[in-house]
């Protein structure tokens, strides 16, 4: 689990996370399949280390693969989150283009496990 995560400017009622929008770079949606296994392995490792909070693919309105995805990270800073995201195989190969935003999660509106729990209950 990341240590020294940033404190929210909104106080203890919020947790600072990093929202990653990962958008297809001018390619067909199926282009992601060339590196999908590596991408999923990368995210699995982040999850095991308590860094990945959640994530998944986005679909078109009719339920088809859009080629885009989102995920949420715990990190020490925006710069640290950007460094993590740059290691994603779908990003460093140019298949997707990431955009990372600092996000203040309001804890009382969340059913997410806290950093100490790491995983959803089974």
Protein backbone atom coordinates (compact mmCIF):
# COMPACT_ATOMS: atom_id res chain seq x y z
CA UNK A 1 0.00 0.00 0.00
CA UNK A 2 1.33 3.48 -0.77
CA UNK A 3 2.64 5.34 2.22
CA UNK A 4 2.45 9.06 2.76
CA UNK A 5 -0.65 9.58 0.63
CA UNK A 6 -1.61 13.23 0.43
CA UNK A 7 -4.03 14.75 2.89
CA UNK A 8 -7.12 16.26 1.36
CA UNK A 9 -7.43 20.02 1.50
CA UNK A 10 -11.06 19.29 2.45
CA UNK A 11 -10.08 17.53 5.69
CA UNK A 12 -10.42 14.03 7.13
CA UNK A 13 -13.85 13.58 5.54
CA UNK A 14 -12.15 13.09 2.16
CA UNK A 15 -9.46 10.81 0.76
CA UNK A 16 -7.18 11.99 -2.04
CA UNK A 17 -7.20 9.55 -4.94
CA UNK A 18 -6.19 9.83 -8.58
CA UNK A 19 -8.75 9.27 -11.34
CA UNK A 20 -7.31 7.96 -14.59
CA UNK A 21 -9.19 8.31 -17.85
CA UNK A 22 -7.54 6.07 -20.44
CA UNK A 23 -8.72 6.87 -23.96
CA UNK A 24 -8.05 5.08 -27.21
CA UNK A 25 -5.49 6.92 -29.36
CA UNK A 26 -7.01 7.14 -32.84
CA UNK A 27 -7.26 3.37 -33.30
CA UNK A 28 -9.93 0.73 -33.58
CA UNK A 29 -11.26 -0.46 -30.18
CA UNK A 30 -9.86 -3.95 -30.76
CA UNK A 31 -6.31 -2.49 -30.78
CA UNK A 32 -6.23 -2.93 -26.99
CA UNK A 33 -6.25 -6.71 -27.32
CA UNK A 34 -2.62 -6.74 -28.52
CA UNK A 35 -1.47 -5.69 -25.03
CA UNK A 36 -4.51 -6.52 -22.89
CA UNK A 37 -2.82 -9.38 -21.01
CA UNK A 38 0.11 -7.15 -20.03
CA UNK A 39 -2.27 -4.33 -19.05
CA UNK A 40 -4.34 -6.64 -16.83
CA UNK A 41 -1.20 -8.08 -15.22
CA UNK A 42 0.05 -4.55 -14.51
CA UNK A 43 -3.28 -3.59 -12.90
CA UNK A 44 -3.38 -6.83 -10.92
CA UNK A 45 0.04 -6.02 -9.46
CA UNK A 46 -1.14 -2.52 -8.53
CA UNK A 47 -4.21 -4.02 -6.87
CA UNK A 48 -2.10 -6.50 -4.89
CA UNK A 49 0.02 -3.59 -3.65
CA UNK A 50 -3.02 -1.56 -2.52
CA UNK A 51 -2.47 1.08 -5.20
CA UNK A 52 -5.35 0.27 -7.57
CA UNK A 53 -8.69 1.08 -5.94
CA UNK A 54 -10.97 0.17 -8.84
CA UNK A 55 -11.07 0.14 -12.60
CA UNK A 56 -12.56 -1.32 -15.71
CA UNK A 57 -13.41 -0.89 -19.37
CA UNK A 58 -15.97 1.53 -20.74
CA UNK A 59 -18.59 0.48 -23.25
CA UNK A 60 -20.50 2.24 -26.00
CA UNK A 61 -24.20 2.99 -25.35
CA UNK A 62 -25.10 -0.27 -27.12
CA UNK A 63 -22.79 -2.33 -24.87
CA UNK A 64 -19.82 -2.79 -27.20
CA UNK A 65 -16.12 -2.38 -26.45
CA UNK A 66 -15.22 1.32 -26.69
CA UNK A 67 -11.49 0.70 -26.27
CA UNK A 68 -11.47 3.18 -23.35
CA UNK A 69 -11.16 2.53 -19.63
CA UNK A 70 -10.94 4.20 -16.25
CA UNK A 71 -9.18 3.41 -13.01
CA UNK A 72 -8.58 5.00 -9.63
CA UNK A 73 -5.24 4.95 -7.79
CA UNK A 74 -3.84 5.72 -4.37
CA UNK A 75 -0.54 7.57 -4.70
CA UNK A 76 1.66 10.02 -2.81
CA UNK A 77 1.14 12.84 -5.32
CA UNK A 78 -0.14 13.67 -8.78
CA UNK A 79 3.40 13.26 -10.12
CA UNK A 80 3.67 9.80 -8.51
CA UNK A 81 0.30 8.79 -10.00
CA UNK A 82 1.42 9.99 -13.44
CA UNK A 83 4.61 7.91 -13.14
CA UNK A 84 2.56 4.83 -12.28
CA UNK A 85 0.18 5.43 -15.19
CA UNK A 86 3.10 5.85 -17.60
CA UNK A 87 4.11 2.23 -16.86
CA UNK A 88 0.76 0.88 -18.13
CA UNK A 89 1.47 -1.11 -21.33
CA UNK A 90 -1.55 0.44 -23.07
CA UNK A 91 -0.08 3.89 -22.39
CA UNK A 92 3.64 3.47 -23.09
CA UNK A 93 2.83 1.76 -26.40
CA UNK A 94 0.55 4.62 -27.45
CA UNK A 95 -2.59 2.48 -27.72
CA UNK A 96 -4.33 4.65 -25.13
CA UNK A 97 -3.68 8.18 -23.92
CA UNK A 98 -4.07 8.71 -20.16
CA UNK A 99 -5.36 11.74 -18.31
CA UNK A 100 -4.77 11.77 -14.54
CA UNK A 101 -6.77 13.99 -12.18
CA UNK A 102 -6.52 14.51 -8.43
CA UNK A 103 -9.83 13.52 -6.87
CA UNK A 104 -11.13 14.14 -3.34
CA UNK A 105 -13.37 11.17 -2.51
CA UNK A 106 -16.00 12.06 0.08
CA UNK A 107 -15.72 9.07 2.42
CA UNK A 108 -19.29 9.11 3.74
CA UNK A 109 -20.63 8.70 0.20
CA UNK A 110 -18.39 5.79 -0.60
CA UNK A 111 -18.81 2.08 -0.04
CA UNK A 112 -15.20 1.48 -1.08
CA UNK A 113 -12.92 -0.33 1.33
CA UNK A 114 -10.44 2.00 2.98
CA UNK A 115 -6.69 1.77 2.32
CA UNK A 116 -6.25 -0.54 5.30
CA UNK A 117 -8.80 -3.03 3.91
CA UNK A 118 -7.49 -3.09 0.30
CA UNK A 119 -10.14 -5.45 -1.09
CA UNK A 120 -13.88 -5.69 -1.46
CA UNK A 121 -15.48 -8.19 0.90
CA UNK A 122 -16.13 -11.58 -0.72
